[in-house]
Amino acid sequence: MKEFKEFAKLLALESGKIIKDYFRTNISVDTKSDESPVTIADKKSEEIMRSMIEKYYPSHGIIGEEFGSINEDAEYKWVLDPIDGTKSFISGTVTFGTLIALLKNNKPIIGVINQPILNELLVGNNAVTELNGTQVKVRKCENLSEAVFLTTDHLNIHKYQNGEKFERLIRKVKLYRQWGDCYGYYLVATGFADIMIDPIMSAWDKLALIPIINGAGGRISDYQGNDPVIGESTIATCGSIHEEVIKALN
């Protein structure tokens, strides 16, 4: 685990160097088949991570957002989202990051969120989560009226889940903002927010988040409260209000 954790950090740092070089520069933006944007920074940062994995752990599998999967039946698999929040990246904001997960027998055992512009490297292993080497924890929040509630895209809630119930929940919390993508989960894990929701998620969007939220003492599930590994949506909370949030949304 220690060896894999250090390697995951190295992947984050090396890919982060590429992302830094392209941030707030005049780069072209292409549109993928699902209508989402992609840039040369997404592609080159995933390429460097894939090449490092193939060199040091050739028997491991890789699942990447930009270049697909190899060795999908391997015991260990790396799941890569080089820039989670490409829309934020191309808009010059910092609510994006690199997501890296290591799976053992399809269960996430290490997760990384790296924000290379702010030099914030968050690593979790389901038991402990560290920010730049210092342990972090979710904060205590016993009541929805005290909660900071985040999501990535308000319109997606109405598209994929029950928008009316979501609107009701907004009115119960202290503060609601769209500080989203992986940075919303970073804020929950480090004790600055209490609820982060995404109504639709891919494997590379969610799997790295699970060891991070668990390691920080929070809870993470899909939108209905089920196993986030197999779900297609994500809710992360500080823990104590998780069941109440699930009930309110469903």
Foldseek 3Di string as FASTA:
>chain_A
DVVVQVLVVVLQVVLLVLLVVCFPDDWDWDADPVRDIDTPSQVVSVVVSVVVCCVPPVCEKEAEPPPGIDNPVGQKYKYWRSWFPVVCRVVRHQLIFIWIFIHGNLATQKIWTARSVVRWIWIFGLAFIDTVRHTAAADDDQFQQAFEEEEADLVQCVVQAPNVLVVVSCVRHNHYDHSDQCVVLVCRLRHNGFKYWDRFADQSRPRNSNRSLSNRQKDKAALQRHHNSPDGIMMIGSHNCVVVNSVSRD
